[in-house]
Amino acid sequence: MSWRRVLLGFFGLLALAAIAVVWTLPPPAPLVLPPQGVVLSNVTVINPGVDRRAGRSLRIEGGRVASIADGRVYTMPQLTAQLARYREYFEGALYDPISVALVRRALARILD
């Protein structure tokens, strides 16, 4: 046997062993990243054709604006509690048809 055949056999077995090891190892668990968010302070929010509001804070989560606040960002429990108070105040037969009509009018303006 020539030394070339021995060397070729050795590298062949080494490659086969490496393939077997790679094949049998489980892939690593994917990294779980914490949710990324950012707060932009002292921002001017422009509503085209309506107004400009300076000194606002924007909280961005998941690529979208999560909240806009007057100089500070509110926590989710604070926002949820305030929304519940507004809903309690504006519940009833009078406010519901009015709000539906106003939303339809606003959407008609936006979509036209």
N, C-alpha and C. Protein backbone atom coordinates (compact mmCIF):
# COMPACT_ATOMS: atom_id res chain seq x y z
N MET A 1 0.83 -1.19 0.00
CA MET A 1 0.00 0.00 0.00
C MET A 1 0.87 1.24 0.00
N SER A 2 0.45 2.16 -0.79
CA SER A 2 1.25 3.38 -0.86
C SER A 2 0.80 4.35 0.22
N TRP A 3 1.69 5.22 0.53
CA TRP A 3 1.37 6.22 1.57
C TRP A 3 0.26 7.14 1.11
N ARG A 4 0.08 7.34 -0.19
CA ARG A 4 -1.00 8.20 -0.70
C ARG A 4 -2.37 7.59 -0.41
N ARG A 5 -2.47 6.27 -0.58
CA ARG A 5 -3.74 5.60 -0.29
C ARG A 5 -4.06 5.67 1.19
N VAL A 6 -3.06 5.50 2.02
CA VAL A 6 -3.26 5.57 3.48
C VAL A 6 -3.70 6.97 3.87
N LEU A 7 -3.04 7.97 3.33
CA LEU A 7 -3.38 9.35 3.64
C LEU A 7 -4.79 9.69 3.13
N LEU A 8 -5.14 9.26 1.93
CA LEU A 8 -6.47 9.49 1.38
C LEU A 8 -7.54 8.79 2.22
N GLY A 9 -7.28 7.58 2.66
CA GLY A 9 -8.20 6.85 3.53
C GLY A 9 -8.38 7.54 4.87
N PHE A 10 -7.25 8.03 5.43
CA PHE A 10 -7.32 8.74 6.71
C PHE A 10 -8.17 10.00 6.60
N PHE A 11 -7.93 10.82 5.57
CA PHE A 11 -8.72 12.04 5.41
C PHE A 11 -10.18 11.73 5.07
N GLY A 12 -10.42 10.64 4.35
CA GLY A 12 -11.79 10.23 4.06
C GLY A 12 -12.54 9.86 5.33
N LEU A 13 -11.89 9.08 6.20
CA LEU A 13 -12.51 8.73 7.49
C LEU A 13 -12.71 9.95 8.38
N LEU A 14 -11.75 10.84 8.35
CA LEU A 14 -11.86 12.07 9.14
C LEU A 14 -13.04 12.91 8.66
N ALA A 15 -13.22 13.03 7.35
CA ALA A 15 -14.34 13.79 6.79
C ALA A 15 -15.65 13.11 7.13
N LEU A 16 -15.68 11.78 7.05
CA LEU A 16 -16.89 11.03 7.38
C LEU A 16 -17.25 11.21 8.86
N ALA A 17 -16.26 11.19 9.72
CA ALA A 17 -16.50 11.38 11.16
C ALA A 17 -17.01 12.81 11.43
N ALA A 18 -16.45 13.78 10.74
CA ALA A 18 -16.90 15.17 10.92
C ALA A 18 -18.35 15.33 10.47
N ILE A 19 -18.70 14.73 9.35
CA ILE A 19 -20.08 14.79 8.85
C ILE A 19 -21.03 14.12 9.84
N ALA A 20 -20.61 12.97 10.40
CA ALA A 20 -21.45 12.25 11.36
C ALA A 20 -21.67 13.08 12.62
N VAL A 21 -20.62 13.75 13.10
CA VAL A 21 -20.75 14.58 14.30
C VAL A 21 -21.68 15.76 14.03
N VAL A 22 -21.51 16.43 12.93
CA VAL A 22 -22.36 17.58 12.59
C VAL A 22 -23.80 17.13 12.40
N TRP A 23 -23.98 15.98 11.79
CA TRP A 23 -25.33 15.47 11.51
C TRP A 23 -26.08 15.12 12.79
N THR A 24 -25.37 14.59 13.79
CA THR A 24 -26.03 14.12 15.02
C THR A 24 -26.22 15.22 16.06
N LEU A 25 -25.47 16.29 15.98
CA LEU A 25 -25.63 17.37 16.96
C LEU A 25 -26.92 18.14 16.70
N PRO A 26 -27.67 18.44 17.77
CA PRO A 26 -28.88 19.25 17.56
C PRO A 26 -28.50 20.71 17.31
N PRO A 27 -29.31 21.42 16.56
CA PRO A 27 -28.99 22.83 16.34
C PRO A 27 -29.18 23.62 17.64
N PRO A 28 -28.45 24.69 17.80
CA PRO A 28 -28.61 25.48 19.02
C PRO A 28 -29.99 26.11 19.08
N ALA A 29 -30.46 26.32 20.29
CA ALA A 29 -31.76 26.97 20.48
C ALA A 29 -31.68 28.41 19.99
N PRO A 30 -32.73 28.90 19.33
CA PRO A 30 -32.69 30.28 18.85
C PRO A 30 -32.67 31.25 20.02
N LEU A 31 -31.98 32.34 19.82
CA LEU A 31 -31.91 33.36 20.86
C LEU A 31 -33.24 34.09 20.96
N VAL A 32 -33.70 34.27 22.18
CA VAL A 32 -34.93 35.01 22.42
C VAL A 32 -34.53 36.43 22.82
N LEU A 33 -34.84 37.36 21.97
CA LEU A 33 -34.47 38.75 22.24
C LEU A 33 -35.59 39.43 23.01
N PRO A 34 -35.25 40.29 23.94
CA PRO A 34 -36.30 41.04 24.63
C PRO A 34 -36.96 42.01 23.64
N PRO A 35 -38.24 42.33 23.88
CA PRO A 35 -38.90 43.26 22.96
C PRO A 35 -38.19 44.60 22.95
N GLN A 36 -37.90 45.05 21.76
CA GLN A 36 -37.18 46.31 21.63
C GLN A 36 -38.17 47.46 21.53
N GLY A 37 -37.91 48.49 22.23
CA GLY A 37 -38.74 49.67 22.18
C GLY A 37 -37.87 50.90 22.36
N VAL A 38 -38.39 52.01 21.96
CA VAL A 38 -37.62 53.25 22.09
C VAL A 38 -38.59 54.37 22.43
N VAL A 39 -38.10 55.33 23.18
CA VAL A 39 -38.88 56.51 23.52
C VAL A 39 -38.19 57.72 22.90
N LEU A 40 -38.93 58.45 22.09
CA LEU A 40 -38.43 59.68 21.49
C LEU A 40 -39.05 60.85 22.25
N SER A 41 -38.22 61.65 22.88
CA SER A 41 -38.71 62.77 23.69
C SER A 41 -38.58 64.08 22.94
N ASN A 42 -39.42 65.04 23.31
CA ASN A 42 -39.41 66.40 22.76
C ASN A 42 -39.56 66.38 21.24
N VAL A 43 -40.60 65.68 20.77
CA VAL A 43 -40.88 65.53 19.36
C VAL A 43 -42.05 66.42 18.98
N THR A 44 -42.03 67.00 17.80
CA THR A 44 -43.17 67.76 17.29
C THR A 44 -44.01 66.83 16.42
N VAL A 45 -45.25 66.61 16.85
CA VAL A 45 -46.18 65.75 16.10
C VAL A 45 -46.99 66.66 15.19
N ILE A 46 -46.97 66.35 13.90
CA ILE A 46 -47.67 67.17 12.91
C ILE A 46 -48.86 66.39 12.38
N ASN A 47 -50.05 66.94 12.55
CA ASN A 47 -51.26 66.41 11.94
C ASN A 47 -51.53 67.27 10.72
N PRO A 48 -51.28 66.76 9.52
CA PRO A 48 -51.39 67.57 8.31
C PRO A 48 -52.76 68.22 8.17
N GLY A 49 -52.74 69.53 7.98
CA GLY A 49 -53.97 70.28 7.81
C GLY A 49 -54.72 70.57 9.10
N VAL A 50 -54.20 70.09 10.23
CA VAL A 50 -54.91 70.30 11.50
C VAL A 50 -54.09 71.16 12.45
N ASP A 51 -52.99 70.61 12.96
CA ASP A 51 -52.19 71.35 13.94
C ASP A 51 -50.80 70.72 14.08
N ARG A 52 -50.00 71.38 14.91
CA ARG A 52 -48.68 70.89 15.29
C ARG A 52 -48.64 70.86 16.80
N ARG A 53 -48.09 69.80 17.35
CA ARG A 53 -47.99 69.68 18.80
C ARG A 53 -46.53 69.43 19.17
N ALA A 54 -45.94 70.42 19.80
CA ALA A 54 -44.52 70.32 20.17
C ALA A 54 -44.37 69.74 21.57
N GLY A 55 -43.18 69.22 21.84
CA GLY A 55 -42.85 68.74 23.17
C GLY A 55 -43.51 67.43 23.54
N ARG A 56 -43.80 66.57 22.59
CA ARG A 56 -44.45 65.28 22.85
C ARG A 56 -43.39 64.19 23.01
N SER A 57 -43.78 63.12 23.66
CA SER A 57 -42.95 61.93 23.77
C SER A 57 -43.65 60.80 23.04
N LEU A 58 -42.90 60.11 22.20
CA LEU A 58 -43.44 58.97 21.45
C LEU A 58 -42.79 57.70 21.98
N ARG A 59 -43.61 56.70 22.26
CA ARG A 59 -43.08 55.38 22.62
C ARG A 59 -43.32 54.47 21.43
N ILE A 60 -42.23 53.90 20.88
CA ILE A 60 -42.29 53.05 19.70
C ILE A 60 -42.06 51.61 20.16
N GLU A 61 -42.96 50.71 19.77
CA GLU A 61 -42.81 49.29 20.07
C GLU A 61 -43.20 48.50 18.84
N GLY A 62 -42.37 47.58 18.46
CA GLY A 62 -42.68 46.72 17.33
C GLY A 62 -42.81 47.47 16.02
N GLY A 63 -42.10 48.56 15.86
CA GLY A 63 -42.14 49.32 14.62
C GLY A 63 -43.33 50.24 14.49
N ARG A 64 -44.12 50.38 15.56
CA ARG A 64 -45.30 51.26 15.51
C ARG A 64 -45.30 52.19 16.71
N VAL A 65 -46.00 53.29 16.58
CA VAL A 65 -46.13 54.23 17.69
C VAL A 65 -47.12 53.63 18.68
N ALA A 66 -46.65 53.37 19.90
CA ALA A 66 -47.50 52.76 20.93
C ALA A 66 -48.28 53.83 21.68
N SER A 67 -47.66 54.98 21.94
CA SER A 67 -48.37 56.05 22.64
C SER A 67 -47.69 57.38 22.37
N ILE A 68 -48.51 58.43 22.48
CA ILE A 68 -48.03 59.81 22.35
C ILE A 68 -48.47 60.51 23.62
N ALA A 69 -47.52 61.16 24.29
CA ALA A 69 -47.84 61.79 25.57
C ALA A 69 -47.33 63.22 25.59
N ASP A 70 -47.91 64.01 26.46
CA ASP A 70 -47.48 65.40 26.66
C ASP A 70 -46.25 65.44 27.53
N GLY A 71 -45.11 65.30 26.93
CA GLY A 71 -43.86 65.43 27.67
C GLY A 71 -43.45 64.20 28.44
N ARG A 72 -44.32 63.21 28.60
CA ARG A 72 -43.94 61.98 29.31
C ARG A 72 -44.74 60.82 28.73
N VAL A 73 -44.20 59.64 28.93
CA VAL A 73 -44.85 58.45 28.41
C VAL A 73 -45.58 57.75 29.56
N TYR A 74 -46.83 57.42 29.32
CA TYR A 74 -47.63 56.75 30.33
C TYR A 74 -47.42 55.25 30.25
N THR A 75 -47.60 54.57 31.37
CA THR A 75 -47.49 53.12 31.38
C THR A 75 -48.78 52.51 30.86
N MET A 76 -48.72 51.26 30.44
CA MET A 76 -49.91 50.59 29.91
C MET A 76 -51.04 50.51 30.93
N PRO A 77 -50.78 50.20 32.21
CA PRO A 77 -51.90 50.19 33.16
C PRO A 77 -52.56 51.57 33.30
N GLN A 78 -51.77 52.64 33.24
CA GLN A 78 -52.35 53.98 33.31
C GLN A 78 -53.23 54.25 32.09
N LEU A 79 -52.75 53.88 30.91
CA LEU A 79 -53.54 54.09 29.70
C LEU A 79 -54.81 53.24 29.71
N THR A 80 -54.70 52.01 30.16
CA THR A 80 -55.87 51.13 30.22
C THR A 80 -56.91 51.66 31.20
N ALA A 81 -56.46 52.14 32.36
CA ALA A 81 -57.39 52.69 33.34
C ALA A 81 -58.08 53.94 32.81
N GLN A 82 -57.34 54.81 32.14
CA GLN A 82 -57.94 56.02 31.57
C GLN A 82 -58.94 55.68 30.47
N LEU A 83 -58.61 54.70 29.65
CA LEU A 83 -59.53 54.28 28.60
C LEU A 83 -60.80 53.68 29.20
N ALA A 84 -60.67 52.93 30.28
CA ALA A 84 -61.86 52.38 30.95
C ALA A 84 -62.74 53.49 31.51
N ARG A 85 -62.11 54.55 32.08
CA ARG A 85 -62.90 55.69 32.59
C ARG A 85 -63.62 56.40 31.45
N TYR A 86 -62.96 56.59 30.31
CA TYR A 86 -63.61 57.22 29.16
C TYR A 86 -64.78 56.38 28.65
N ARG A 87 -64.58 55.08 28.59
CA ARG A 87 -65.65 54.21 28.11
C ARG A 87 -66.85 54.25 29.04
N GLU A 88 -66.60 54.25 30.35
CA GLU A 88 -67.71 54.33 31.30
C GLU A 88 -68.47 55.64 31.14
N TYR A 89 -67.74 56.71 30.94
CA TYR A 89 -68.37 58.03 30.83
C TYR A 89 -69.19 58.14 29.55
N PHE A 90 -68.67 57.61 28.45
CA PHE A 90 -69.32 57.79 27.17
C PHE A 90 -70.20 56.60 26.76
N GLU A 91 -70.53 55.71 27.67
CA GLU A 91 -71.45 54.63 27.34
C GLU A 91 -72.87 55.17 27.33
N GLY A 92 -73.69 54.60 26.50
CA GLY A 92 -75.09 54.99 26.49
C GLY A 92 -75.61 55.15 25.07
N ALA A 93 -76.91 55.28 24.98
CA ALA A 93 -77.58 55.34 23.68
C ALA A 93 -77.30 56.65 22.95
N LEU A 94 -77.01 57.73 23.66
CA LEU A 94 -76.78 59.02 23.01
C LEU A 94 -75.40 59.08 22.35
N TYR A 95 -74.37 58.67 23.08
CA TYR A 95 -73.02 58.83 22.57
C TYR A 95 -72.67 57.83 21.49
N ASP A 96 -73.19 56.62 21.55
CA ASP A 96 -72.81 55.59 20.59
C ASP A 96 -73.18 55.96 19.15
N PRO A 97 -74.42 56.37 18.85
CA PRO A 97 -74.72 56.75 17.45
C PRO A 97 -73.92 57.96 16.99
N ILE A 98 -73.67 58.90 17.90
CA ILE A 98 -72.90 60.09 17.53
C ILE A 98 -71.47 59.69 17.16
N SER A 99 -70.85 58.84 17.99
CA SER A 99 -69.46 58.46 17.72
C SER A 99 -69.36 57.64 16.44
N VAL A 100 -70.34 56.76 16.20
CA VAL A 100 -70.32 55.97 14.97
C VAL A 100 -70.44 56.89 13.75
N ALA A 101 -71.32 57.87 13.82
CA ALA A 101 -71.48 58.80 12.69
C ALA A 101 -70.20 59.61 12.47
N LEU A 102 -69.57 60.06 13.54
CA LEU A 102 -68.34 60.85 13.41
C LEU A 102 -67.21 60.00 12.82
N VAL A 103 -67.10 58.76 13.24
CA VAL A 103 -66.05 57.89 12.71
C VAL A 103 -66.29 57.61 11.23
N ARG A 104 -67.54 57.38 10.86
CA ARG A 104 -67.84 57.14 9.45
C ARG A 104 -67.50 58.37 8.61
N ARG A 105 -67.83 59.56 9.10
CA ARG A 105 -67.51 60.78 8.38
C ARG A 105 -66.00 60.95 8.22
N ALA A 106 -65.27 60.70 9.31
CA ALA A 106 -63.79 60.84 9.26
C ALA A 106 -63.20 59.84 8.28
N LEU A 107 -63.69 58.59 8.32
CA LEU A 107 -63.16 57.60 7.38
C LEU A 107 -63.50 57.94 5.94
N ALA A 108 -64.69 58.49 5.72
CA ALA A 108 -65.07 58.88 4.36
C ALA A 108 -64.15 59.97 3.84
N ARG A 109 -63.78 60.91 4.71
CA ARG A 109 -62.84 61.98 4.29
C ARG A 109 -61.46 61.41 3.99
N ILE A 110 -61.03 60.48 4.83
CA ILE A 110 -59.70 59.91 4.65
C ILE A 110 -59.63 59.06 3.39
N LEU A 111 -60.64 58.25 3.16
CA LEU A 111 -60.61 57.29 2.06
C LEU A 111 -61.00 57.92 0.71
N ASP A 112 -61.62 59.07 0.72
CA ASP A 112 -61.99 59.71 -0.55
C ASP A 112 -60.87 60.51 -1.15
